[in-house]
C-alpha atoms as a PDB file:
ATOM      1  CA  MET A   1      29.774   1.963  34.626  1.00  0.00           C
ATOM      2  CA  SER A   2      30.928   2.933  38.089  1.00  0.00           C
ATOM      3  CA  ILE A   3      28.868   2.220  41.184  1.00  0.00           C
ATOM      4  CA  LYS A   4      28.328   5.941  41.787  1.00  0.00           C
ATOM      5  CA  ALA A   5      26.929   6.455  38.275  1.00  0.00           C
ATOM      6  CA  TRP A   6      24.745   3.361  38.625  1.00  0.00           C
ATOM      7  CA  VAL A   7      23.284   4.583  41.941  1.00  0.00           C
ATOM      8  CA  LYS A   8      22.642   8.043  40.481  1.00  0.00           C
ATOM      9  CA  ARG A   9      20.888   6.543  37.453  1.00  0.00           C
ATOM     10  CA  LEU A  10      18.787   4.257  39.672  1.00  0.00           C
ATOM     11  CA  ALA A  11      17.786   7.195  41.891  1.00  0.00           C
ATOM     12  CA  LEU A  12      16.769   9.273  38.846  1.00  0.00           C
ATOM     13  CA  ARG A  13      14.631   6.460  37.456  1.00  0.00           C
ATOM     14  CA  THR A  14      12.987   5.956  40.847  1.00  0.00           C
ATOM     15  CA  VAL A  15      12.140   9.668  41.145  1.00  0.00           C
ATOM     16  CA  GLN A  16      10.769   9.647  37.574  1.00  0.00           C
ATOM     17  CA  ALA A  17       8.548   6.674  38.325  1.00  0.00           C
ATOM     18  CA  LEU A  18       7.244   8.237  41.549  1.00  0.00           C
ATOM     19  CA  LEU A  19       6.475  11.586  39.888  1.00  0.00           C
ATOM     20  CA  ILE A  20       4.732   9.953  36.933  1.00  0.00           C
ATOM     21  CA  SER A  21       2.650   7.824  39.323  1.00  0.00           C
ATOM     22  CA  LEU A  22       1.729  10.903  41.373  1.00  0.00           C
ATOM     23  CA  HIS A  23       0.705  12.893  38.317  1.00  0.00           C
ATOM     24  CA  ARG A  24      -1.332   9.977  36.950  1.00  0.00           C
ATOM     25  CA  ILE A  25      -3.455  10.378  40.090  1.00  0.00           C
ATOM     26  CA  VAL A  26      -3.713  14.187  40.211  1.00  0.00           C
ATOM     27  CA  GLY A  27      -3.482  14.881  36.462  1.00  0.00           C
ATOM     28  CA  PRO A  28      -0.778  16.217  34.152  1.00  0.00           C
ATOM     29  CA  PRO A  29       1.316  19.051  35.586  1.00  0.00           C
ATOM     30  CA  GLN A  30       0.677  22.560  34.274  1.00  0.00           C
ATOM     31  CA  VAL A  31       4.153  23.717  35.298  1.00  0.00           C
ATOM     32  CA  LEU A  32       7.218  21.581  34.626  1.00  0.00           C
ATOM     33  CA  MET A  33       9.737  22.360  37.345  1.00  0.00           C
ATOM     34  CA  TYR A  34      12.065  19.358  37.351  1.00  0.00           C
ATOM     35  CA  ASN A  35      15.330  18.572  35.558  1.00  0.00           C
ATOM     36  CA  PHE A  36      15.638  17.793  31.819  1.00  0.00           C
ATOM     37  CA  ASP A  37      15.146  14.034  32.059  1.00  0.00           C
ATOM     38  CA  ILE A  38      12.165  14.170  34.404  1.00  0.00           C
ATOM     39  CA  ASN A  39      10.420  16.908  32.391  1.00  0.00           C
ATOM     40  CA  ALA A  40      10.824  14.876  29.186  1.00  0.00           C
ATOM     41  CA  ALA A  41       9.611  11.700  30.913  1.00  0.00           C
ATOM     42  CA  LEU A  42       6.513  13.479  32.245  1.00  0.00           C
ATOM     43  CA  LEU A  43       5.698  14.862  28.809  1.00  0.00           C
ATOM     44  CA  ARG A  44       6.081  11.431  27.214  1.00  0.00           C
ATOM     45  CA  ALA A  45       3.976   9.788  29.938  1.00  0.00           C
ATOM     46  CA  PHE A  46       1.049  12.072  29.102  1.00  0.00           C
ATOM     47  CA  GLY A  47       1.159  11.703  25.320  1.00  0.00           C
ATOM     48  CA  ALA A  48       3.653  14.262  23.995  1.00  0.00           C
ATOM     49  CA  ARG A  49       6.037  13.223  21.260  1.00  0.00           C
ATOM     50  CA  VAL A  50       9.495  14.181  22.511  1.00  0.00           C
ATOM     51  CA  GLY A  51      12.655  13.619  20.469  1.00  0.00           C
ATOM     52  CA  ARG A  52      16.039  12.520  21.701  1.00  0.00           C
ATOM     53  CA  HIS A  53      18.103  14.698  24.047  1.00  0.00           C
ATOM     54  CA  PRO A  54      15.724  17.623  24.696  1.00  0.00           C
ATOM     55  CA  CYS A  55      16.762  20.369  27.117  1.00  0.00           C
ATOM     56  CA  ILE A  56      13.615  21.592  28.841  1.00  0.00           C
ATOM     57  CA  PHE A  57      14.610  24.220  31.388  1.00  0.00           C
ATOM     58  CA  PRO A  58      12.254  24.797  34.332  1.00  0.00           C
ATOM     59  CA  PRO A  59       9.853  26.378  34.991  1.00  0.00           C
ATOM     60  CA  LEU A  60       7.812  25.746  31.877  1.00  0.00           C
ATOM     61  CA  ALA A  61       4.112  26.664  32.025  1.00  0.00           C
ATOM     62  CA  LEU A  62       1.744  24.695  29.802  1.00  0.00           C
ATOM     63  CA  HIS A  63      -1.891  25.640  29.225  1.00  0.00           C
ATOM     64  CA  ASN A  64      -4.973  23.499  28.429  1.00  0.00           C
ATOM     65  CA  VAL A  65      -3.389  20.274  29.678  1.00  0.00           C
ATOM     66  CA  GLN A  66      -6.466  18.684  31.237  1.00  0.00           C
ATOM     67  CA  ARG A  67      -6.457  15.863  28.654  1.00  0.00           C
ATOM     68  CA  GLY A  68      -2.684  15.505  28.443  1.00  0.00           C
ATOM     69  CA  TYR A  69      -0.041  16.661  26.008  1.00  0.00           C
ATOM     70  CA  GLY A  70      -1.189  14.734  22.913  1.00  0.00           C
ATOM     71  CA  ASN A  71      -0.887  17.781  20.628  1.00  0.00           C
ATOM     72  CA  LEU A  72       2.659  18.644  21.729  1.00  0.00           C
ATOM     73  CA  THR A  73       5.666  17.646  19.623  1.00  0.00           C
ATOM     74  CA  ILE A  74       9.265  18.493  20.572  1.00  0.00           C
ATOM     75  CA  GLY A  75      12.006  17.518  18.112  1.00  0.00           C
ATOM     76  CA  ASP A  76      15.467  16.051  18.622  1.00  0.00           C
ATOM     77  CA  ASP A  77      18.020  18.216  20.442  1.00  0.00           C
ATOM     78  CA  CYS A  78      15.514  21.049  21.072  1.00  0.00           C
ATOM     79  CA  ILE A  79      16.099  23.593  23.806  1.00  0.00           C
ATOM     80  CA  ILE A  80      13.126  25.162  25.561  1.00  0.00           C
ATOM     81  CA  HIS A  81      14.007  27.746  28.182  1.00  0.00           C
ATOM     82  CA  GLY A  82      12.028  28.342  31.331  1.00  0.00           C
ATOM     83  CA  HIS A  83       9.481  31.153  31.484  1.00  0.00           C
ATOM     84  CA  ALA A  84       8.403  30.322  27.899  1.00  0.00           C
ATOM     85  CA  TYR A  85       4.669  30.263  27.242  1.00  0.00           C
END
């Protein structure tokens, strides 16, 4: 792995950790507006079952998320486009 790829991966993981920590304080987001990896990480952090390699295009509005995403299941290789309700 090149140094550039390693730095990019480290930065992405740091941003994911910061966003998950922020949303643990303020509650689960009702609108997912980040890139694929961060959206999937946020969903997993709040209880959703997300398969491998999902493409979750922003913005994605989710309703009734006060208690998390425990009832949400997204399969492997699924594509969810933004502006889907």
